[in-house]
């Protein structure tokens, strides 16, 4: 990326930047988030919406993906000066937990065991997320980007790319269903379907209060989940769920759609079931991304990388209690 160094600190004039191959494929909003550090995301989306940011002299949407050779116009915009105390906003306990959460790492990717309760990025009233915390832990890292997302209350395997080539390759696998993601979910009720595929399109809605909800709708995007029973109890069932698509809240909405909501789900779940399991010690959503499989550009043809995350202790405790009563 060709840029004036003064722009990084504070820009009082229009900047014209030329995109190189290293940044090709990145969304314009994500590109601006990294380049305009200290500028609120709401401000960045505003200048995009108003057409103040231009690519090749034309207006673009926030999801526009940059191409090699694109010319990006960024308007004059004031950036906050670096605040040495800003890092203290992320609790030390979270930084320590993430520092010990590495499942796999090489020159291309970092795979973490994301804890439940931590969003993957800042936004919606959250001052920080996992990606901000990891960047704080690794200030010398030139490139760290989320390959995919997990719900805030979901734990388990989360992949970060450490270079542009890996990010683009993994995004392509994600789009083409070439990334095998499997979850463990405790569903309400005794399962009697055997192996079951749920193919139900999903559509996102935003309620008046700003809360995001997802529902099954023929106007939604194609969504496919494969449910496989692992252990069936009298009033709950442990399932392995494999995703073909990666829609927001997909497992949770599909599970509810077939009458077996995820235990501990305050948004789509069963209130009475949740209350019962809370009394047994479950304080979170019982949904865990337990394995992920993918390939990298540096790997030989036919090779795959399979990474798994152990079930958290608080979820094991619930299963132990269920097994003791079965």
C-alpha atoms as a PDB file:
ATOM      1  CA  UNK A   1       0.000   0.000   0.000  1.00  0.00           C
ATOM      2  CA  UNK A   2       1.441   3.350  -1.044  1.00  0.00           C
ATOM      3  CA  UNK A   3       0.691   6.020   1.553  1.00  0.00           C
ATOM      4  CA  UNK A   4       1.928   9.217   3.108  1.00  0.00           C
ATOM      5  CA  UNK A   5       3.342   8.452   6.588  1.00  0.00           C
ATOM      6  CA  UNK A   6       1.698  11.580   8.019  1.00  0.00           C
ATOM      7  CA  UNK A   7      -1.676  10.037   7.274  1.00  0.00           C
ATOM      8  CA  UNK A   8      -1.129   7.312   9.854  1.00  0.00           C
ATOM      9  CA  UNK A   9      -0.943   9.821  12.706  1.00  0.00           C
ATOM     10  CA  UNK A  10      -3.271  12.595  11.636  1.00  0.00           C
ATOM     11  CA  UNK A  11      -4.560  13.744   8.266  1.00  0.00           C
ATOM     12  CA  UNK A  12      -5.818  17.216   7.502  1.00  0.00           C
ATOM     13  CA  UNK A  13      -5.917  16.725   3.733  1.00  0.00           C
ATOM     14  CA  UNK A  14      -7.314  14.270   1.204  1.00  0.00           C
ATOM     15  CA  UNK A  15      -5.247  11.096   0.874  1.00  0.00           C
ATOM     16  CA  UNK A  16      -4.973   9.108  -2.353  1.00  0.00           C
ATOM     17  CA  UNK A  17      -3.775   5.540  -1.777  1.00  0.00           C
ATOM     18  CA  UNK A  18      -2.950   2.850  -4.337  1.00  0.00           C
ATOM     19  CA  UNK A  19      -3.851  -0.728  -3.401  1.00  0.00           C
ATOM     20  CA  UNK A  20      -1.154  -3.363  -3.859  1.00  0.00           C
ATOM     21  CA  UNK A  21      -1.659  -7.138  -4.112  1.00  0.00           C
ATOM     22  CA  UNK A  22      -1.016  -7.519  -0.375  1.00  0.00           C
ATOM     23  CA  UNK A  23      -4.327  -5.798   0.379  1.00  0.00           C
ATOM     24  CA  UNK A  24      -6.360  -7.114  -2.563  1.00  0.00           C
ATOM     25  CA  UNK A  25      -9.504  -8.890  -1.394  1.00  0.00           C
ATOM     26  CA  UNK A  26      -9.864  -6.970   1.883  1.00  0.00           C
ATOM     27  CA  UNK A  27     -13.161  -5.225   2.585  1.00  0.00           C
ATOM     28  CA  UNK A  28     -12.938  -1.449   2.433  1.00  0.00           C
ATOM     29  CA  UNK A  29     -14.475  -1.034   5.914  1.00  0.00           C
ATOM     30  CA  UNK A  30     -11.949  -3.406   7.492  1.00  0.00           C
ATOM     31  CA  UNK A  31      -9.160  -1.657   5.608  1.00  0.00           C
ATOM     32  CA  UNK A  32     -10.253   1.704   7.003  1.00  0.00           C
ATOM     33  CA  UNK A  33     -10.608   0.339  10.551  1.00  0.00           C
ATOM     34  CA  UNK A  34      -6.934  -0.596  10.528  1.00  0.00           C
ATOM     35  CA  UNK A  35      -5.708   2.539   8.756  1.00  0.00           C
ATOM     36  CA  UNK A  36      -7.807   5.011  10.743  1.00  0.00           C
ATOM     37  CA  UNK A  37      -6.992   3.874  14.245  1.00  0.00           C
ATOM     38  CA  UNK A  38      -8.615   6.139  16.804  1.00  0.00           C
ATOM     39  CA  UNK A  39     -11.544   6.995  14.537  1.00  0.00           C
ATOM     40  CA  UNK A  40     -14.886   5.551  15.785  1.00  0.00           C
ATOM     41  CA  UNK A  41     -16.404   2.882  13.542  1.00  0.00           C
ATOM     42  CA  UNK A  42     -19.617   4.904  13.352  1.00  0.00           C
ATOM     43  CA  UNK A  43     -17.609   7.780  11.835  1.00  0.00           C
ATOM     44  CA  UNK A  44     -15.983   5.455   9.291  1.00  0.00           C
ATOM     45  CA  UNK A  45     -19.342   4.021   8.213  1.00  0.00           C
ATOM     46  CA  UNK A  46     -20.690   7.572   7.961  1.00  0.00           C
ATOM     47  CA  UNK A  47     -18.008   8.716   5.524  1.00  0.00           C
ATOM     48  CA  UNK A  48     -18.573   5.541   3.507  1.00  0.00           C
ATOM     49  CA  UNK A  49     -22.331   6.090   3.440  1.00  0.00           C
ATOM     50  CA  UNK A  50     -21.955   9.746   2.417  1.00  0.00           C
ATOM     51  CA  UNK A  51     -19.583   8.839  -0.415  1.00  0.00           C
ATOM     52  CA  UNK A  52     -16.608  10.694   1.057  1.00  0.00           C
ATOM     53  CA  UNK A  53     -14.514   7.558   0.617  1.00  0.00           C
ATOM     54  CA  UNK A  54     -14.132   6.764  -3.080  1.00  0.00           C
ATOM     55  CA  UNK A  55     -12.528   3.900  -4.983  1.00  0.00           C
ATOM     56  CA  UNK A  56     -11.470   4.696  -8.537  1.00  0.00           C
ATOM     57  CA  UNK A  57     -13.499   7.940  -8.193  1.00  0.00           C
ATOM     58  CA  UNK A  58     -16.732   6.016  -7.521  1.00  0.00           C
ATOM     59  CA  UNK A  59     -18.877   5.466  -4.441  1.00  0.00           C
ATOM     60  CA  UNK A  60     -18.642   2.034  -2.839  1.00  0.00           C
ATOM     61  CA  UNK A  61     -20.447   0.042  -0.165  1.00  0.00           C
ATOM     62  CA  UNK A  62     -18.760  -1.003   3.116  1.00  0.00           C
ATOM     63  CA  UNK A  63     -18.499  -4.610   1.873  1.00  0.00           C
ATOM     64  CA  UNK A  64     -16.612  -3.657  -1.317  1.00  0.00           C
ATOM     65  CA  UNK A  65     -13.468  -5.784  -1.670  1.00  0.00           C
ATOM     66  CA  UNK A  66     -10.356  -3.963  -2.773  1.00  0.00           C
ATOM     67  CA  UNK A  67      -8.576  -4.946  -5.987  1.00  0.00           C
ATOM     68  CA  UNK A  68      -4.923  -4.707  -6.919  1.00  0.00           C
ATOM     69  CA  UNK A  69      -4.376  -1.256  -8.449  1.00  0.00           C
ATOM     70  CA  UNK A  70      -7.480   0.388  -6.972  1.00  0.00           C
ATOM     71  CA  UNK A  71      -7.123   4.059  -6.043  1.00  0.00           C
ATOM     72  CA  UNK A  72      -8.695   4.849  -2.673  1.00  0.00           C
ATOM     73  CA  UNK A  73      -9.628   8.420  -1.760  1.00  0.00           C
ATOM     74  CA  UNK A  74      -9.862   9.105   1.977  1.00  0.00           C
ATOM     75  CA  UNK A  75     -11.197  12.519   3.068  1.00  0.00           C
ATOM     76  CA  UNK A  76      -9.574  14.727   5.712  1.00  0.00           C
ATOM     77  CA  UNK A  77     -10.386  13.152   9.054  1.00  0.00           C
ATOM     78  CA  UNK A  78      -9.114  13.819  12.540  1.00  0.00           C
ATOM     79  CA  UNK A  79      -7.710  10.829  14.407  1.00  0.00           C
ATOM     80  CA  UNK A  80      -7.312  10.523  18.131  1.00  0.00           C
ATOM     81  CA  UNK A  81      -3.762  10.639  19.353  1.00  0.00           C
ATOM     82  CA  UNK A  82      -2.480   7.375  20.799  1.00  0.00           C
ATOM     83  CA  UNK A  83      -3.474   6.987  24.444  1.00  0.00           C
ATOM     84  CA  UNK A  84      -0.901   5.130  26.489  1.00  0.00           C
ATOM     85  CA  UNK A  85      -3.554   4.226  29.059  1.00  0.00           C
ATOM     86  CA  UNK A  86      -5.972   2.844  26.494  1.00  0.00           C
ATOM     87  CA  UNK A  87      -4.589  -0.694  26.837  1.00  0.00           C
ATOM     88  CA  UNK A  88      -5.718  -0.869  30.458  1.00  0.00           C
ATOM     89  CA  UNK A  89      -9.320  -1.071  29.220  1.00  0.00           C
ATOM     90  CA  UNK A  90      -8.771  -4.762  28.461  1.00  0.00           C
ATOM     91  CA  UNK A  91      -8.697  -6.628  31.781  1.00  0.00           C
ATOM     92  CA  UNK A  92      -5.427  -8.363  32.528  1.00  0.00           C
ATOM     93  CA  UNK A  93      -7.301 -11.607  33.283  1.00  0.00           C
ATOM     94  CA  UNK A  94      -8.626 -11.725  29.688  1.00  0.00           C
ATOM     95  CA  UNK A  95      -5.199 -11.013  28.221  1.00  0.00           C
ATOM     96  CA  UNK A  96      -3.692 -13.781  30.334  1.00  0.00           C
ATOM     97  CA  UNK A  97      -6.446 -16.209  29.350  1.00  0.00           C
ATOM     98  CA  UNK A  98      -5.956 -15.499  25.636  1.00  0.00           C
ATOM     99  CA  UNK A  99      -2.195 -15.695  25.944  1.00  0.00           C
ATOM    100  CA  UNK A 100      -2.674 -19.296  27.106  1.00  0.00           C
ATOM    101  CA  UNK A 101      -5.406 -20.172  24.591  1.00  0.00           C
ATOM    102  CA  UNK A 102      -3.281 -21.094  21.562  1.00  0.00           C
ATOM    103  CA  UNK A 103      -4.285 -24.407  19.998  1.00  0.00           C
ATOM    104  CA  UNK A 104      -2.042 -24.158  16.939  1.00  0.00           C
ATOM    105  CA  UNK A 105       0.274 -21.617  15.350  1.00  0.00           C
ATOM    106  CA  UNK A 106       2.590 -21.418  12.359  1.00  0.00           C
ATOM    107  CA  UNK A 107       3.662 -18.681   9.941  1.00  0.00           C
ATOM    108  CA  UNK A 108       0.202 -18.574   8.335  1.00  0.00           C
ATOM    109  CA  UNK A 109      -2.424 -18.945  11.067  1.00  0.00           C
ATOM    110  CA  UNK A 110      -3.114 -18.663  14.764  1.00  0.00           C
ATOM    111  CA  UNK A 111      -5.878 -20.905  16.104  1.00  0.00           C
ATOM    112  CA  UNK A 112      -7.278 -20.012  19.522  1.00  0.00           C
ATOM    113  CA  UNK A 113      -9.637 -21.666  21.971  1.00  0.00           C
ATOM    114  CA  UNK A 114     -12.012 -18.724  22.346  1.00  0.00           C
ATOM    115  CA  UNK A 115     -13.619 -18.448  25.793  1.00  0.00           C
ATOM    116  CA  UNK A 116     -17.374 -18.080  26.140  1.00  0.00           C
ATOM    117  CA  UNK A 117     -18.559 -14.555  26.916  1.00  0.00           C
ATOM    118  CA  UNK A 118     -15.928 -12.770  24.814  1.00  0.00           C
ATOM    119  CA  UNK A 119     -16.996 -11.192  21.517  1.00  0.00           C
ATOM    120  CA  UNK A 120     -14.621 -11.669  18.593  1.00  0.00           C
ATOM    121  CA  UNK A 121     -14.413  -7.916  17.954  1.00  0.00           C
ATOM    122  CA  UNK A 122     -15.463  -4.575  19.391  1.00  0.00           C
ATOM    123  CA  UNK A 123     -18.823  -3.032  18.547  1.00  0.00           C
ATOM    124  CA  UNK A 124     -22.425  -2.826  19.710  1.00  0.00           C
ATOM    125  CA  UNK A 125     -21.391  -1.097  22.922  1.00  0.00           C
ATOM    126  CA  UNK A 126     -18.313  -3.300  23.468  1.00  0.00           C
ATOM    127  CA  UNK A 127     -15.028  -1.462  23.779  1.00  0.00           C
ATOM    128  CA  UNK A 128     -12.920  -4.458  22.791  1.00  0.00           C
ATOM    129  CA  UNK A 129     -13.125  -8.011  21.552  1.00  0.00           C
ATOM    130  CA  UNK A 130     -10.790 -10.945  21.041  1.00  0.00           C
ATOM    131  CA  UNK A 131      -9.096  -9.491  17.966  1.00  0.00           C
ATOM    132  CA  UNK A 132      -8.320  -6.215  19.750  1.00  0.00           C
ATOM    133  CA  UNK A 133      -6.960  -8.120  22.743  1.00  0.00           C
ATOM    134  CA  UNK A 134      -4.745 -10.347  20.575  1.00  0.00           C
ATOM    135  CA  UNK A 135      -3.364  -7.328  18.738  1.00  0.00           C
ATOM    136  CA  UNK A 136      -2.543  -5.775  22.105  1.00  0.00           C
ATOM    137  CA  UNK A 137      -0.809  -8.973  23.181  1.00  0.00           C
ATOM    138  CA  UNK A 138       1.177  -9.008  19.930  1.00  0.00           C
ATOM    139  CA  UNK A 139       2.004  -5.370  19.137  1.00  0.00           C
ATOM    140  CA  UNK A 140       4.746  -6.386  16.689  1.00  0.00           C
ATOM    141  CA  UNK A 141       2.446  -8.524  14.532  1.00  0.00           C
ATOM    142  CA  UNK A 142       2.147  -6.907  11.100  1.00  0.00           C
ATOM    143  CA  UNK A 143      -1.052  -8.765  10.199  1.00  0.00           C
ATOM    144  CA  UNK A 144      -3.742 -10.440  12.306  1.00  0.00           C
ATOM    145  CA  UNK A 145      -7.268 -10.818  10.913  1.00  0.00           C
ATOM    146  CA  UNK A 146     -10.264 -12.970  11.815  1.00  0.00           C
ATOM    147  CA  UNK A 147     -10.922 -15.712   9.260  1.00  0.00           C
ATOM    148  CA  UNK A 148     -14.418 -16.370  10.627  1.00  0.00           C
ATOM    149  CA  UNK A 149     -16.515 -15.533  13.663  1.00  0.00           C
ATOM    150  CA  UNK A 150     -18.052 -17.215  16.661  1.00  0.00           C
ATOM    151  CA  UNK A 151     -20.993 -15.929  18.678  1.00  0.00           C
ATOM    152  CA  UNK A 152     -20.003 -14.140  21.857  1.00  0.00           C
ATOM    153  CA  UNK A 153     -21.278 -16.960  24.097  1.00  0.00           C
ATOM    154  CA  UNK A 154     -19.821 -19.778  21.954  1.00  0.00           C
ATOM    155  CA  UNK A 155     -16.427 -21.208  22.880  1.00  0.00           C
ATOM    156  CA  UNK A 156     -13.879 -23.153  20.869  1.00  0.00           C
ATOM    157  CA  UNK A 157     -11.791 -23.074  17.692  1.00  0.00           C
ATOM    158  CA  UNK A 158     -11.307 -19.640  16.155  1.00  0.00           C
ATOM    159  CA  UNK A 159      -8.886 -19.075  13.269  1.00  0.00           C
ATOM    160  CA  UNK A 160      -6.872 -15.890  12.703  1.00  0.00           C
ATOM    161  CA  UNK A 161      -4.788 -15.326   9.577  1.00  0.00           C
ATOM    162  CA  UNK A 162      -1.243 -13.978   9.920  1.00  0.00           C
ATOM    163  CA  UNK A 163      -0.853 -12.908   6.281  1.00  0.00           C
ATOM    164  CA  UNK A 164      -3.033 -11.825   3.373  1.00  0.00           C
ATOM    165  CA  UNK A 165      -2.505 -14.986   1.272  1.00  0.00           C
ATOM    166  CA  UNK A 166      -3.748 -17.243   4.071  1.00  0.00           C
ATOM    167  CA  UNK A 167      -6.730 -14.987   4.763  1.00  0.00           C
ATOM    168  CA  UNK A 168      -7.854 -15.041   1.131  1.00  0.00           C
ATOM    169  CA  UNK A 169      -7.338 -18.806   0.806  1.00  0.00           C
ATOM    170  CA  UNK A 170      -9.303 -19.546   3.970  1.00  0.00           C
ATOM    171  CA  UNK A 171     -12.083 -17.120   3.007  1.00  0.00           C
ATOM    172  CA  UNK A 172     -12.426 -19.002  -0.284  1.00  0.00           C
ATOM    173  CA  UNK A 173     -12.638 -22.337   1.560  1.00  0.00           C
ATOM    174  CA  UNK A 174     -15.218 -20.832   3.885  1.00  0.00           C
ATOM    175  CA  UNK A 175     -17.353 -19.685   0.932  1.00  0.00           C
ATOM    176  CA  UNK A 176     -16.988 -22.988  -0.907  1.00  0.00           C
ATOM    177  CA  UNK A 177     -17.748 -25.141   2.173  1.00  0.00           C
ATOM    178  CA  UNK A 178     -14.178 -26.415   2.120  1.00  0.00           C
ATOM    179  CA  UNK A 179     -13.605 -25.623   5.782  1.00  0.00           C
ATOM    180  CA  UNK A 180     -15.010 -28.396   7.976  1.00  0.00           C
ATOM    181  CA  UNK A 181     -16.356 -26.940  11.228  1.00  0.00           C
ATOM    182  CA  UNK A 182     -17.896 -29.154  13.901  1.00  0.00           C
ATOM    183  CA  UNK A 183     -19.607 -28.108  17.112  1.00  0.00           C
ATOM    184  CA  UNK A 184     -20.838 -29.837  20.244  1.00  0.00           C
ATOM    185  CA  UNK A 185     -24.251 -28.623  21.371  1.00  0.00           C
ATOM    186  CA  UNK A 186     -26.547 -29.742  24.147  1.00  0.00           C
ATOM    187  CA  UNK A 187     -30.105 -29.569  22.831  1.00  0.00           C
ATOM    188  CA  UNK A 188     -33.268 -29.538  24.891  1.00  0.00           C
ATOM    189  CA  UNK A 189     -35.321 -32.752  24.825  1.00  0.00           C
ATOM    190  CA  UNK A 190     -34.615 -36.355  23.932  1.00  0.00           C
ATOM    191  CA  UNK A 191     -33.520 -36.610  20.282  1.00  0.00           C
ATOM    192  CA  UNK A 192     -35.172 -39.285  18.131  1.00  0.00           C
ATOM    193  CA  UNK A 193     -34.290 -38.202  14.570  1.00  0.00           C
ATOM    194  CA  UNK A 194     -31.006 -40.082  14.167  1.00  0.00           C
ATOM    195  CA  UNK A 195     -28.690 -38.225  11.813  1.00  0.00           C
ATOM    196  CA  UNK A 196     -30.581 -35.221  10.472  1.00  0.00           C
ATOM    197  CA  UNK A 197     -29.806 -32.490   7.958  1.00  0.00           C
ATOM    198  CA  UNK A 198     -31.564 -29.169   8.414  1.00  0.00           C
ATOM    199  CA  UNK A 199     -31.727 -27.047   5.276  1.00  0.00           C
ATOM    200  CA  UNK A 200     -33.602 -23.877   6.152  1.00  0.00           C
ATOM    201  CA  UNK A 201     -32.773 -20.399   4.779  1.00  0.00           C
ATOM    202  CA  UNK A 202     -31.960 -17.776   7.394  1.00  0.00           C
ATOM    203  CA  UNK A 203     -32.603 -14.032   7.404  1.00  0.00           C
ATOM    204  CA  UNK A 204     -31.245 -11.424   9.807  1.00  0.00           C
ATOM    205  CA  UNK A 205     -33.542  -8.804  11.325  1.00  0.00           C
ATOM    206  CA  UNK A 206     -32.789  -5.895  13.638  1.00  0.00           C
ATOM    207  CA  UNK A 207     -35.416  -5.108  16.258  1.00  0.00           C
ATOM    208  CA  UNK A 208     -36.370  -1.592  17.354  1.00  0.00           C
ATOM    209  CA  UNK A 209     -34.013  -1.743  20.296  1.00  0.00           C
ATOM    210  CA  UNK A 210     -31.113  -2.638  18.019  1.00  0.00           C
ATOM    211  CA  UNK A 211     -31.062  -6.315  18.968  1.00  0.00           C
ATOM    212  CA  UNK A 212     -30.161  -8.621  16.095  1.00  0.00           C
ATOM    213  CA  UNK A 213     -32.398 -11.645  15.561  1.00  0.00           C
ATOM    214  CA  UNK A 214     -32.243 -14.373  12.932  1.00  0.00           C
ATOM    215  CA  UNK A 215     -35.234 -16.328  11.678  1.00  0.00           C
ATOM    216  CA  UNK A 216     -36.042 -19.027   9.158  1.00  0.00           C
ATOM    217  CA  UNK A 217     -37.412 -17.342   6.045  1.00  0.00           C
ATOM    218  CA  UNK A 218     -37.736 -18.233   2.383  1.00  0.00           C
ATOM    219  CA  UNK A 219     -36.293 -14.771   1.675  1.00  0.00           C
ATOM    220  CA  UNK A 220     -33.160 -15.641   3.661  1.00  0.00           C
ATOM    221  CA  UNK A 221     -29.788 -17.072   2.628  1.00  0.00           C
ATOM    222  CA  UNK A 222     -29.367 -20.839   2.087  1.00  0.00           C
ATOM    223  CA  UNK A 223     -28.221 -22.479   5.330  1.00  0.00           C
ATOM    224  CA  UNK A 224     -27.399 -26.141   5.982  1.00  0.00           C
ATOM    225  CA  UNK A 225     -26.568 -27.872   9.286  1.00  0.00           C
ATOM    226  CA  UNK A 226     -25.960 -31.596   9.865  1.00  0.00           C
ATOM    227  CA  UNK A 227     -26.942 -32.944  13.306  1.00  0.00           C
ATOM    228  CA  UNK A 228     -25.435 -36.178  14.627  1.00  0.00           C
ATOM    229  CA  UNK A 229     -26.412 -37.593  18.065  1.00  0.00           C
ATOM    230  CA  UNK A 230     -23.519 -38.293  20.450  1.00  0.00           C
ATOM    231  CA  UNK A 231     -25.345 -39.038  23.705  1.00  0.00           C
ATOM    232  CA  UNK A 232     -29.090 -38.913  24.379  1.00  0.00           C
ATOM    233  CA  UNK A 233     -30.430 -38.289  27.881  1.00  0.00           C
ATOM    234  CA  UNK A 234     -33.978 -38.187  29.204  1.00  0.00           C
ATOM    235  CA  UNK A 235     -34.413 -34.424  28.843  1.00  0.00           C
ATOM    236  CA  UNK A 236     -31.435 -33.317  26.738  1.00  0.00           C
ATOM    237  CA  UNK A 237     -29.244 -34.563  23.886  1.00  0.00           C
ATOM    238  CA  UNK A 238     -25.570 -33.993  23.160  1.00  0.00           C
ATOM    239  CA  UNK A 239     -25.151 -33.424  19.426  1.00  0.00           C
ATOM    240  CA  UNK A 240     -22.271 -32.958  17.047  1.00  0.00           C
ATOM    241  CA  UNK A 241     -23.224 -30.373  14.442  1.00  0.00           C
ATOM    242  CA  UNK A 242     -21.365 -29.918  11.170  1.00  0.00           C
ATOM    243  CA  UNK A 243     -21.932 -26.719   9.224  1.00  0.00           C
ATOM    244  CA  UNK A 244     -21.992 -26.412   5.456  1.00  0.00           C
ATOM    245  CA  UNK A 245     -22.675 -22.685   5.686  1.00  0.00           C
ATOM    246  CA  UNK A 246     -21.672 -20.139   8.301  1.00  0.00           C
ATOM    247  CA  UNK A 247     -24.688 -17.912   8.878  1.00  0.00           C
ATOM    248  CA  UNK A 248     -25.145 -15.807  11.984  1.00  0.00           C
ATOM    249  CA  UNK A 249     -26.641 -17.887  14.850  1.00  0.00           C
ATOM    250  CA  UNK A 250     -27.129 -20.774  12.401  1.00  0.00           C
ATOM    251  CA  UNK A 251     -26.986 -23.718  14.819  1.00  0.00           C
ATOM    252  CA  UNK A 252     -29.091 -21.937  17.416  1.00  0.00           C
ATOM    253  CA  UNK A 253     -31.860 -21.008  14.977  1.00  0.00           C
ATOM    254  CA  UNK A 254     -31.865 -24.374  13.191  1.00  0.00           C
ATOM    255  CA  UNK A 255     -32.029 -26.183  16.531  1.00  0.00           C
ATOM    256  CA  UNK A 256     -34.987 -24.094  17.597  1.00  0.00           C
ATOM    257  CA  UNK A 257     -36.609 -24.612  14.176  1.00  0.00           C
ATOM    258  CA  UNK A 258     -36.731 -28.388  14.706  1.00  0.00           C
ATOM    259  CA  UNK A 259     -38.004 -28.112  18.272  1.00  0.00           C
ATOM    260  CA  UNK A 260     -34.754 -28.782  20.146  1.00  0.00           C
ATOM    261  CA  UNK A 261     -33.233 -25.399  21.098  1.00  0.00           C
ATOM    262  CA  UNK A 262     -29.697 -25.182  22.459  1.00  0.00           C
ATOM    263  CA  UNK A 263     -29.629 -25.372  26.253  1.00  0.00           C
ATOM    264  CA  UNK A 264     -28.600 -22.086  27.852  1.00  0.00           C
ATOM    265  CA  UNK A 265     -29.635 -20.001  24.843  1.00  0.00           C
ATOM    266  CA  UNK A 266     -31.270 -16.852  26.217  1.00  0.00           C
ATOM    267  CA  UNK A 267     -32.171 -15.548  22.751  1.00  0.00           C
ATOM    268  CA  UNK A 268     -33.652 -18.572  20.969  1.00  0.00           C
ATOM    269  CA  UNK A 269     -33.955 -21.126  23.768  1.00  0.00           C
ATOM    270  CA  UNK A 270     -36.593 -22.491  26.114  1.00  0.00           C
ATOM    271  CA  UNK A 271     -36.876 -20.423  29.313  1.00  0.00           C
ATOM    272  CA  UNK A 272     -38.000 -23.305  31.535  1.00  0.00           C
ATOM    273  CA  UNK A 273     -35.289 -25.656  30.278  1.00  0.00           C
ATOM    274  CA  UNK A 274     -32.659 -22.943  30.736  1.00  0.00           C
ATOM    275  CA  UNK A 275     -33.837 -22.278  34.284  1.00  0.00           C
ATOM    276  CA  UNK A 276     -33.620 -25.986  35.108  1.00  0.00           C
ATOM    277  CA  UNK A 277     -30.036 -26.255  33.880  1.00  0.00           C
ATOM    278  CA  UNK A 278     -29.051 -23.019  35.603  1.00  0.00           C
ATOM    279  CA  UNK A 279     -29.986 -24.687  38.880  1.00  0.00           C
ATOM    280  CA  UNK A 280     -27.618 -27.491  37.898  1.00  0.00           C
ATOM    281  CA  UNK A 281     -24.768 -25.026  37.440  1.00  0.00           C
ATOM    282  CA  UNK A 282     -24.921 -24.119  33.723  1.00  0.00           C
ATOM    283  CA  UNK A 283     -24.252 -20.388  33.435  1.00  0.00           C
ATOM    284  CA  UNK A 284     -23.688 -20.133  29.668  1.00  0.00           C
ATOM    285  CA  UNK A 285     -24.756 -21.299  26.214  1.00  0.00           C
ATOM    286  CA  UNK A 286     -23.908 -24.969  25.700  1.00  0.00           C
ATOM    287  CA  UNK A 287     -22.328 -24.561  22.267  1.00  0.00           C
ATOM    288  CA  UNK A 288     -18.657 -25.305  21.617  1.00  0.00           C
ATOM    289  CA  UNK A 289     -16.695 -25.241  18.330  1.00  0.00           C
ATOM    290  CA  UNK A 290     -14.765 -28.420  19.031  1.00  0.00           C
ATOM    291  CA  UNK A 291     -12.920 -28.963  15.728  1.00  0.00           C
ATOM    292  CA  UNK A 292     -11.985 -27.261  12.471  1.00  0.00           C
ATOM    293  CA  UNK A 293     -10.228 -28.639   9.386  1.00  0.00           C
ATOM    294  CA  UNK A 294      -8.750 -26.673   6.485  1.00  0.00           C
ATOM    295  CA  UNK A 295      -5.801 -26.380   4.108  1.00  0.00           C
ATOM    296  CA  UNK A 296      -3.233 -23.611   3.665  1.00  0.00           C
ATOM    297  CA  UNK A 297      -1.423 -22.346   0.542  1.00  0.00           C
ATOM    298  CA  UNK A 298       1.874 -23.581   2.003  1.00  0.00           C
ATOM    299  CA  UNK A 299       0.611 -27.166   2.396  1.00  0.00           C
ATOM    300  CA  UNK A 300       1.068 -30.022  -0.094  1.00  0.00           C
ATOM    301  CA  UNK A 301      -1.906 -31.075  -2.186  1.00  0.00           C
ATOM    302  CA  UNK A 302      -4.206 -33.377  -0.234  1.00  0.00           C
ATOM    303  CA  UNK A 303      -2.874 -32.321   3.161  1.00  0.00           C
ATOM    304  CA  UNK A 304      -5.275 -30.881   5.714  1.00  0.00           C
ATOM    305  CA  UNK A 305      -4.900 -29.358   9.141  1.00  0.00           C
ATOM    306  CA  UNK A 306      -7.293 -30.701  11.803  1.00  0.00           C
ATOM    307  CA  UNK A 307      -7.413 -28.806  15.093  1.00  0.00           C
ATOM    308  CA  UNK A 308      -9.629 -29.512  18.088  1.00  0.00           C
ATOM    309  CA  UNK A 309     -10.490 -27.683  21.297  1.00  0.00           C
ATOM    310  CA  UNK A 310     -11.307 -29.620  24.482  1.00  0.00           C
ATOM    311  CA  UNK A 311     -14.745 -29.204  26.002  1.00  0.00           C
ATOM    312  CA  UNK A 312     -14.588 -26.546  28.761  1.00  0.00           C
ATOM    313  CA  UNK A 313     -14.776 -27.752  32.348  1.00  0.00           C
ATOM    314  CA  UNK A 314     -18.127 -26.051  33.023  1.00  0.00           C
ATOM    315  CA  UNK A 315     -19.704 -27.976  30.121  1.00  0.00           C
ATOM    316  CA  UNK A 316     -18.096 -31.269  31.158  1.00  0.00           C
ATOM    317  CA  UNK A 317     -19.633 -30.775  34.597  1.00  0.00           C
ATOM    318  CA  UNK A 318     -23.127 -30.584  33.079  1.00  0.00           C
ATOM    319  CA  UNK A 319     -22.570 -33.770  31.068  1.00  0.00           C
ATOM    320  CA  UNK A 320     -21.239 -35.585  34.129  1.00  0.00           C
ATOM    321  CA  UNK A 321     -24.415 -34.708  36.024  1.00  0.00           C
ATOM    322  CA  UNK A 322     -26.601 -35.879  33.136  1.00  0.00           C
ATOM    323  CA  UNK A 323     -24.679 -39.153  32.859  1.00  0.00           C
ATOM    324  CA  UNK A 324     -25.045 -39.668  36.603  1.00  0.00           C
ATOM    325  CA  UNK A 325     -28.834 -39.466  36.311  1.00  0.00           C
ATOM    326  CA  UNK A 326     -29.190 -41.543  33.151  1.00  0.00           C
END
